[in-house]
PDB file of N, CA and C in Angstrom:
ATOM      1  N   MET A   1       0.820  -5.668  -3.161  1.00  0.00           N
ATOM      2  CA  MET A   1       1.110  -4.621  -2.262  1.00  0.00           C
ATOM      3  C   MET A   1       2.475  -4.146  -2.670  1.00  0.00           C
ATOM      4  N   VAL A   2       2.586  -2.781  -2.776  1.00  0.00           N
ATOM      5  CA  VAL A   2       3.774  -2.108  -3.048  1.00  0.00           C
ATOM      6  C   VAL A   2       4.251  -1.344  -1.766  1.00  0.00           C
ATOM      7  N   ILE A   3       5.557  -1.605  -1.411  1.00  0.00           N
ATOM      8  CA  ILE A   3       6.119  -0.936  -0.231  1.00  0.00           C
ATOM      9  C   ILE A   3       7.452  -0.326  -0.721  1.00  0.00           C
ATOM     10  N   THR A   4       7.691   0.934  -0.293  1.00  0.00           N
ATOM     11  CA  THR A   4       8.940   1.529  -0.660  1.00  0.00           C
ATOM     12  C   THR A   4       9.773   1.942   0.611  1.00  0.00           C
ATOM     13  N   GLU A   5      10.998   2.002   0.379  1.00  0.00           N
ATOM     14  CA  GLU A   5      11.855   2.640   1.443  1.00  0.00           C
ATOM     15  C   GLU A   5      11.495   4.095   1.439  1.00  0.00           C
ATOM     16  N   LYS A   6      11.962   4.801   2.454  1.00  0.00           N
ATOM     17  CA  LYS A   6      11.791   6.270   2.432  1.00  0.00           C
ATOM     18  C   LYS A   6      12.524   6.852   1.236  1.00  0.00           C
ATOM     19  N   LEU A   7      11.848   7.621   0.475  1.00  0.00           N
ATOM     20  CA  LEU A   7      12.431   8.096  -0.735  1.00  0.00           C
ATOM     21  C   LEU A   7      12.664   9.578  -0.715  1.00  0.00           C
ATOM     22  N   SER A   8      13.851  10.020  -1.336  1.00  0.00           N
ATOM     23  CA  SER A   8      14.061  11.489  -1.446  1.00  0.00           C
ATOM     24  C   SER A   8      13.034  12.006  -2.458  1.00  0.00           C
ATOM     25  N   PHE A   9      12.993  13.373  -2.525  1.00  0.00           N
ATOM     26  CA  PHE A   9      12.064  13.958  -3.538  1.00  0.00           C
ATOM     27  C   PHE A   9      12.384  13.440  -4.998  1.00  0.00           C
ATOM     28  N   PHE A  10      13.727  13.485  -5.319  1.00  0.00           N
ATOM     29  CA  PHE A  10      14.080  13.071  -6.627  1.00  0.00           C
ATOM     30  C   PHE A  10      13.797  11.610  -6.881  1.00  0.00           C
ATOM     31  N   LYS A  11      14.006  10.749  -5.945  1.00  0.00           N
ATOM     32  CA  LYS A  11      13.686   9.340  -6.154  1.00  0.00           C
ATOM     33  C   LYS A  11      12.166   9.122  -6.259  1.00  0.00           C
ATOM     34  N   PHE A  12      11.368   9.970  -5.565  1.00  0.00           N
ATOM     35  CA  PHE A  12       9.917   9.868  -5.649  1.00  0.00           C
ATOM     36  C   PHE A  12       9.463  10.279  -7.034  1.00  0.00           C
ATOM     37  N   VAL A  13       9.991  11.315  -7.564  1.00  0.00           N
ATOM     38  CA  VAL A  13       9.677  11.794  -8.897  1.00  0.00           C
ATOM     39  C   VAL A  13       9.980  10.733  -9.924  1.00  0.00           C
ATOM     40  N   LYS A  14      11.199  10.133  -9.755  1.00  0.00           N
ATOM     41  CA  LYS A  14      11.642   9.047 -10.711  1.00  0.00           C
ATOM     42  C   LYS A  14      10.658   7.911 -10.606  1.00  0.00           C
ATOM     43  N   LEU A  15      10.258   7.486  -9.403  1.00  0.00           N
ATOM     44  CA  LEU A  15       9.298   6.403  -9.165  1.00  0.00           C
ATOM     45  C   LEU A  15       7.945   6.712  -9.934  1.00  0.00           C
ATOM     46  N   PHE A  16       7.513   7.990  -9.727  1.00  0.00           N
ATOM     47  CA  PHE A  16       6.244   8.395 -10.276  1.00  0.00           C
ATOM     48  C   PHE A  16       6.262   8.323 -11.850  1.00  0.00           C
ATOM     49  N   ILE A  17       7.373   8.736 -12.403  1.00  0.00           N
ATOM     50  CA  ILE A  17       7.498   8.758 -13.847  1.00  0.00           C
ATOM     51  C   ILE A  17       7.459   7.291 -14.340  1.00  0.00           C
ATOM     52  N   LYS A  18       8.196   6.452 -13.644  1.00  0.00           N
ATOM     53  CA  LYS A  18       8.273   5.063 -14.012  1.00  0.00           C
ATOM     54  C   LYS A  18       6.927   4.399 -13.875  1.00  0.00           C
ATOM     55  N   LEU A  19       6.137   4.809 -12.845  1.00  0.00           N
ATOM     56  CA  LEU A  19       4.793   4.298 -12.596  1.00  0.00           C
ATOM     57  C   LEU A  19       3.889   4.633 -13.842  1.00  0.00           C
ATOM     58  N   LEU A  20       4.024   5.838 -14.276  1.00  0.00           N
ATOM     59  CA  LEU A  20       3.202   6.283 -15.478  1.00  0.00           C
ATOM     60  C   LEU A  20       3.675   5.527 -16.750  1.00  0.00           C
ATOM     61  N   ARG A  21       4.816   4.995 -16.794  1.00  0.00           N
ATOM     62  CA  ARG A  21       5.297   4.344 -17.954  1.00  0.00           C
ATOM     63  C   ARG A  21       5.093   2.827 -17.918  1.00  0.00           C
ATOM     64  N   GLY A  22       4.087   2.395 -17.294  1.00  0.00           N
ATOM     65  CA  GLY A  22       3.669   1.007 -17.395  1.00  0.00           C
ATOM     66  C   GLY A  22       4.260   0.077 -16.292  1.00  0.00           C
ATOM     67  N   GLY A  23       4.429   0.523 -15.068  1.00  0.00           N
ATOM     68  CA  GLY A  23       4.801  -0.334 -14.006  1.00  0.00           C
ATOM     69  C   GLY A  23       6.295  -0.545 -13.918  1.00  0.00           C
ATOM     70  N   LYS A  24       7.163   0.168 -14.575  1.00  0.00           N
ATOM     71  CA  LYS A  24       8.609   0.043 -14.458  1.00  0.00           C
ATOM     72  C   LYS A  24       9.115   0.395 -13.099  1.00  0.00           C
ATOM     73  N   HIS A  25       8.348   1.010 -12.231  1.00  0.00           N
ATOM     74  CA  HIS A  25       8.813   1.327 -10.886  1.00  0.00           C
ATOM     75  C   HIS A  25       9.099   0.139 -10.072  1.00  0.00           C
ATOM     76  N   LEU A  26       8.495  -1.014 -10.429  1.00  0.00           N
ATOM     77  CA  LEU A  26       8.707  -2.186  -9.637  1.00  0.00           C
ATOM     78  C   LEU A  26      10.088  -2.812  -9.795  1.00  0.00           C
ATOM     79  N   ASP A  27      10.885  -2.304 -10.770  1.00  0.00           N
ATOM     80  CA  ASP A  27      12.231  -2.749 -10.980  1.00  0.00           C
ATOM     81  C   ASP A  27      13.206  -1.912 -10.144  1.00  0.00           C
ATOM     82  N   MET A  28      12.749  -0.892  -9.432  1.00  0.00           N
ATOM     83  CA  MET A  28      13.647  -0.031  -8.634  1.00  0.00           C
ATOM     84  C   MET A  28      14.085  -0.778  -7.345  1.00  0.00           C
ATOM     85  N   PRO A  29      15.287  -0.615  -6.894  1.00  0.00           N
ATOM     86  CA  PRO A  29      15.806  -1.285  -5.694  1.00  0.00           C
ATOM     87  C   PRO A  29      15.142  -0.891  -4.409  1.00  0.00           C
ATOM     88  N   ASP A  30      14.501   0.287  -4.362  1.00  0.00           N
ATOM     89  CA  ASP A  30      13.835   0.726  -3.089  1.00  0.00           C
ATOM     90  C   ASP A  30      12.348   0.317  -3.033  1.00  0.00           C
ATOM     91  N   VAL A  31      11.900  -0.383  -4.103  1.00  0.00           N
ATOM     92  CA  VAL A  31      10.492  -0.810  -4.175  1.00  0.00           C
ATOM     93  C   VAL A  31      10.324  -2.281  -4.037  1.00  0.00           C
ATOM     94  N   PHE A  32       9.445  -2.706  -3.197  1.00  0.00           N
ATOM     95  CA  PHE A  32       9.151  -4.067  -2.881  1.00  0.00           C
ATOM     96  C   PHE A  32       7.712  -4.350  -3.292  1.00  0.00           C
ATOM     97  N   PHE A  33       7.435  -5.386  -4.088  1.00  0.00           N
ATOM     98  CA  PHE A  33       6.091  -5.733  -4.596  1.00  0.00           C
ATOM     99  C   PHE A  33       5.849  -7.176  -4.246  1.00  0.00           C
ATOM    100  N   LYS A  34       4.716  -7.451  -3.445  1.00  0.00           N
ATOM    101  CA  LYS A  34       4.339  -8.769  -3.072  1.00  0.00           C
ATOM    102  C   LYS A  34       2.863  -8.957  -3.362  1.00  0.00           C
ATOM    103  N   THR A  35       2.486 -10.214  -3.682  1.00  0.00           N
ATOM    104  CA  THR A  35       1.079 -10.535  -3.804  1.00  0.00           C
ATOM    105  C   THR A  35       0.830 -11.776  -2.999  1.00  0.00           C
ATOM    106  N   GLY A  36      -0.476 -12.025  -2.728  1.00  0.00           N
ATOM    107  CA  GLY A  36      -0.865 -13.160  -1.996  1.00  0.00           C
ATOM    108  C   GLY A  36      -2.262 -12.947  -1.288  1.00  0.00           C
ATOM    109  N   ARG A  37      -2.799 -13.974  -0.740  1.00  0.00           N
ATOM    110  CA  ARG A  37      -4.132 -13.882  -0.060  1.00  0.00           C
ATOM    111  C   ARG A  37      -3.895 -13.209   1.293  1.00  0.00           C
ATOM    112  N   GLU A  38      -2.721 -13.347   1.913  1.00  0.00           N
ATOM    113  CA  GLU A  38      -2.456 -12.795   3.186  1.00  0.00           C
ATOM    114  C   GLU A  38      -1.019 -12.275   3.117  1.00  0.00           C
ATOM    115  N   ILE A  39      -0.793 -11.120   3.580  1.00  0.00           N
ATOM    116  CA  ILE A  39       0.525 -10.519   3.653  1.00  0.00           C
ATOM    117  C   ILE A  39       0.811 -10.106   5.088  1.00  0.00           C
ATOM    118  N   HIS A  40       1.991 -10.411   5.600  1.00  0.00           N
ATOM    119  CA  HIS A  40       2.376 -10.042   6.919  1.00  0.00           C
ATOM    120  C   HIS A  40       3.615  -9.122   6.736  1.00  0.00           C
ATOM    121  N   VAL A  41       3.547  -7.950   7.289  1.00  0.00           N
ATOM    122  CA  VAL A  41       4.587  -6.983   7.210  1.00  0.00           C
ATOM    123  C   VAL A  41       5.009  -6.621   8.614  1.00  0.00           C
ATOM    124  N   GLN A  42       6.371  -6.745   8.963  1.00  0.00           N
ATOM    125  CA  GLN A  42       6.787  -6.367  10.249  1.00  0.00           C
ATOM    126  C   GLN A  42       7.963  -5.361  10.084  1.00  0.00           C
ATOM    127  N   ALA A  43       7.943  -4.370  10.973  1.00  0.00           N
ATOM    128  CA  ALA A  43       9.088  -3.421  11.063  1.00  0.00           C
ATOM    129  C   ALA A  43       9.536  -3.514  12.476  1.00  0.00           C
ATOM    130  N   PHE A  44      10.773  -3.918  12.645  1.00  0.00           N
ATOM    131  CA  PHE A  44      11.274  -4.130  14.019  1.00  0.00           C
ATOM    132  C   PHE A  44      11.849  -2.874  14.597  1.00  0.00           C
ATOM    133  N   GLU A  45      12.071  -1.870  13.796  1.00  0.00           N
ATOM    134  CA  GLU A  45      12.580  -0.571  14.229  1.00  0.00           C
ATOM    135  C   GLU A  45      11.398   0.408  14.093  1.00  0.00           C
ATOM    136  N   ASN A  46      11.435   1.467  14.863  1.00  0.00           N
ATOM    137  CA  ASN A  46      10.464   2.504  14.750  1.00  0.00           C
ATOM    138  C   ASN A  46      10.421   3.084  13.415  1.00  0.00           C
ATOM    139  N   GLU A  47       9.260   3.236  12.758  1.00  0.00           N
ATOM    140  CA  GLU A  47       9.061   3.847  11.443  1.00  0.00           C
ATOM    141  C   GLU A  47       7.954   4.752  11.414  1.00  0.00           C
ATOM    142  N   HIS A  48       7.876   5.697  10.419  1.00  0.00           N
ATOM    143  CA  HIS A  48       6.796   6.589  10.199  1.00  0.00           C
ATOM    144  C   HIS A  48       5.728   5.743   9.466  1.00  0.00           C
ATOM    145  N   GLY A  49       4.437   6.135   9.692  1.00  0.00           N
ATOM    146  CA  GLY A  49       3.388   5.524   8.964  1.00  0.00           C
ATOM    147  C   GLY A  49       2.234   6.451   8.814  1.00  0.00           C
ATOM    148  N   GLN A  50       1.324   5.982   7.885  1.00  0.00           N
ATOM    149  CA  GLN A  50       0.067   6.751   7.614  1.00  0.00           C
ATOM    150  C   GLN A  50      -1.068   5.788   7.501  1.00  0.00           C
ATOM    151  N   VAL A  51      -2.298   6.185   7.904  1.00  0.00           N
ATOM    152  CA  VAL A  51      -3.501   5.430   7.636  1.00  0.00           C
ATOM    153  C   VAL A  51      -4.508   6.423   7.196  1.00  0.00           C
ATOM    154  N   ASN A  52      -5.010   6.197   5.990  1.00  0.00           N
ATOM    155  CA  ASN A  52      -6.001   7.142   5.429  1.00  0.00           C
ATOM    156  C   ASN A  52      -5.585   8.531   5.421  1.00  0.00           C
ATOM    157  N   GLY A  53      -4.229   8.762   5.201  1.00  0.00           N
ATOM    158  CA  GLY A  53      -3.672  10.063   5.021  1.00  0.00           C
ATOM    159  C   GLY A  53      -3.260  10.730   6.384  1.00  0.00           C
ATOM    160  N   GLU A  54      -3.648  10.048   7.415  1.00  0.00           N
ATOM    161  CA  GLU A  54      -3.216  10.642   8.855  1.00  0.00           C
ATOM    162  C   GLU A  54      -2.009  10.060   9.262  1.00  0.00           C
ATOM    163  N   ASP A  55      -1.060  10.928   9.735  1.00  0.00           N
ATOM    164  CA  ASP A  55       0.243  10.497  10.255  1.00  0.00           C
ATOM    165  C   ASP A  55       0.004   9.734  11.513  1.00  0.00           C
ATOM    166  N   LEU A  56       0.899   8.693  11.666  1.00  0.00           N
ATOM    167  CA  LEU A  56       0.903   7.846  12.886  1.00  0.00           C
ATOM    168  C   LEU A  56       2.161   8.209  13.610  1.00  0.00           C
ATOM    169  N   PRO A  57       2.223   7.991  14.971  1.00  0.00           N
ATOM    170  CA  PRO A  57       3.406   8.228  15.745  1.00  0.00           C
ATOM    171  C   PRO A  57       4.461   7.282  15.326  1.00  0.00           C
ATOM    172  N   LEU A  58       5.795   7.605  15.532  1.00  0.00           N
ATOM    173  CA  LEU A  58       6.855   6.817  15.230  1.00  0.00           C
ATOM    174  C   LEU A  58       6.696   5.500  16.084  1.00  0.00           C
ATOM    175  N   GLN A  59       6.687   4.346  15.369  1.00  0.00           N
ATOM    176  CA  GLN A  59       6.491   3.095  16.128  1.00  0.00           C
ATOM    177  C   GLN A  59       6.922   1.898  15.259  1.00  0.00           C
ATOM    178  N   ALA A  60       7.064   0.755  15.932  1.00  0.00           N
ATOM    179  CA  ALA A  60       7.274  -0.487  15.210  1.00  0.00           C
ATOM    180  C   ALA A  60       5.919  -1.029  14.667  1.00  0.00           C
ATOM    181  N   PHE A  61       5.894  -1.635  13.545  1.00  0.00           N
ATOM    182  CA  PHE A  61       4.612  -2.110  12.978  1.00  0.00           C
ATOM    183  C   PHE A  61       4.617  -3.638  12.852  1.00  0.00           C
ATOM    184  N   ASP A  62       3.443  -4.203  12.999  1.00  0.00           N
ATOM    185  CA  ASP A  62       3.196  -5.594  12.793  1.00  0.00           C
ATOM    186  C   ASP A  62       1.846  -5.720  12.105  1.00  0.00           C
ATOM    187  N   LEU A  63       1.836  -5.778  10.849  1.00  0.00           N
ATOM    188  CA  LEU A  63       0.616  -5.686  10.010  1.00  0.00           C
ATOM    189  C   LEU A  63       0.288  -7.006   9.326  1.00  0.00           C
ATOM    190  N   LYS A  64      -0.903  -7.389   9.404  1.00  0.00           N
ATOM    191  CA  LYS A  64      -1.444  -8.536   8.655  1.00  0.00           C
ATOM    192  C   LYS A  64      -2.620  -8.034   7.755  1.00  0.00           C
ATOM    193  N   ILE A  65      -2.522  -8.370   6.470  1.00  0.00           N
ATOM    194  CA  ILE A  65      -3.422  -7.798   5.520  1.00  0.00           C
ATOM    195  C   ILE A  65      -4.029  -8.995   4.748  1.00  0.00           C
ATOM    196  N   TRP A  66      -5.397  -9.130   4.798  1.00  0.00           N
ATOM    197  CA  TRP A  66      -6.089 -10.252   4.072  1.00  0.00           C
ATOM    198  C   TRP A  66      -6.716  -9.646   2.842  1.00  0.00           C
ATOM    199  N   MET A  67      -6.652 -10.353   1.702  1.00  0.00           N
ATOM    200  CA  MET A  67      -7.304  -9.957   0.464  1.00  0.00           C
ATOM    201  C   MET A  67      -8.651 -10.630   0.363  1.00  0.00           C
ATOM    202  N   THR A  68      -9.648  -9.916  -0.080  1.00  0.00           N
ATOM    203  CA  THR A  68     -10.951 -10.429  -0.449  1.00  0.00           C
ATOM    204  C   THR A  68     -11.486  -9.837  -1.709  1.00  0.00           C
ATOM    205  N   LYS A  69     -12.174 -10.541  -2.437  1.00  0.00           N
ATOM    206  CA  LYS A  69     -12.734 -10.018  -3.709  1.00  0.00           C
ATOM    207  C   LYS A  69     -14.100  -9.344  -3.323  1.00  0.00           C
ATOM    208  N   GLN A  70     -14.270  -8.178  -3.923  1.00  0.00           N
ATOM    209  CA  GLN A  70     -15.489  -7.407  -3.834  1.00  0.00           C
ATOM    210  C   GLN A  70     -15.983  -7.007  -5.176  1.00  0.00           C
ATOM    211  N   PRO A  71     -17.228  -6.903  -5.320  1.00  0.00           N
ATOM    212  CA  PRO A  71     -17.764  -6.415  -6.614  1.00  0.00           C
ATOM    213  C   PRO A  71     -17.299  -4.978  -6.825  1.00  0.00           C
ATOM    214  N   PHE A  72     -17.009  -4.587  -8.066  1.00  0.00           N
ATOM    215  CA  PHE A  72     -16.492  -3.247  -8.372  1.00  0.00           C
ATOM    216  C   PHE A  72     -17.666  -2.255  -8.174  1.00  0.00           C
ATOM    217  N   TRP A  73     -18.808  -2.538  -8.701  1.00  0.00           N
ATOM    218  CA  TRP A  73     -19.865  -1.638  -8.688  1.00  0.00           C
ATOM    219  C   TRP A  73     -20.747  -1.963  -7.420  1.00  0.00           C
ATOM    220  N   PHE A  74     -21.212  -0.942  -6.784  1.00  0.00           N
ATOM    221  CA  PHE A  74     -21.888  -1.010  -5.564  1.00  0.00           C
ATOM    222  C   PHE A  74     -23.445  -0.748  -5.853  1.00  0.00           C
ATOM    223  N   ASN A  75     -24.281  -1.684  -5.420  1.00  0.00           N
ATOM    224  CA  ASN A  75     -25.668  -1.561  -5.579  1.00  0.00           C
ATOM    225  C   ASN A  75     -26.279  -1.023  -4.279  1.00  0.00           C
ATOM    226  N   HIS A  76     -26.535   0.289  -4.201  1.00  0.00           N
ATOM    227  CA  HIS A  76     -27.035   0.910  -2.954  1.00  0.00           C
ATOM    228  C   HIS A  76     -28.350   0.388  -2.471  1.00  0.00           C
ATOM    229  N   LYS A  77     -29.270  -0.072  -3.410  1.00  0.00           N
ATOM    230  CA  LYS A  77     -30.553  -0.560  -3.010  1.00  0.00           C
ATOM    231  C   LYS A  77     -30.371  -1.949  -2.335  1.00  0.00           C
ATOM    232  N   GLU A  78     -29.508  -2.761  -2.925  1.00  0.00           N
ATOM    233  CA  GLU A  78     -29.253  -4.022  -2.298  1.00  0.00           C
ATOM    234  C   GLU A  78     -28.650  -3.940  -0.888  1.00  0.00           C
ATOM    235  N   ALA A  79     -27.731  -2.972  -0.751  1.00  0.00           N
ATOM    236  CA  ALA A  79     -27.063  -2.832   0.502  1.00  0.00           C
ATOM    237  C   ALA A  79     -28.073  -2.276   1.572  1.00  0.00           C
ATOM    238  N   ALA A  80     -28.940  -1.408   1.182  1.00  0.00           N
ATOM    239  CA  ALA A  80     -29.924  -0.870   2.049  1.00  0.00           C
ATOM    240  C   ALA A  80     -30.883  -1.926   2.571  1.00  0.00           C
ATOM    241  N   SER A  81     -31.222  -2.918   1.713  1.00  0.00           N
ATOM    242  CA  SER A  81     -32.153  -3.983   2.111  1.00  0.00           C
ATOM    243  C   SER A  81     -31.485  -4.905   3.080  1.00  0.00           C
ATOM    244  N   GLN A  82     -30.102  -4.960   3.114  1.00  0.00           N
ATOM    245  CA  GLN A  82     -29.429  -5.891   3.974  1.00  0.00           C
ATOM    246  C   GLN A  82     -29.200  -5.291   5.411  1.00  0.00           C
ATOM    247  N   GLU A  83     -29.490  -3.982   5.578  1.00  0.00           N
ATOM    248  CA  GLU A  83     -29.245  -3.298   6.825  1.00  0.00           C
ATOM    249  C   GLU A  83     -30.288  -3.662   7.901  1.00  0.00           C
TER     250      GLU A  83
END
């Protein structure tokens, strides 16, 4: 999971360029990278957020994210038979 502080336009462009250059964006001080089977993220102050591109109201967040492995390719015939 990659989390960033709120970035200015110029910092965002810098981050994007570093991203395209092989993951160097993870070395930036405003970027936090964590891995694990379960990640718990808490914001104790009101923050802006988005879900699926939709803006959320200013609020404190308490998120728990679980990781699961899924096959990359989707077999629609197999999925239809399970419904």
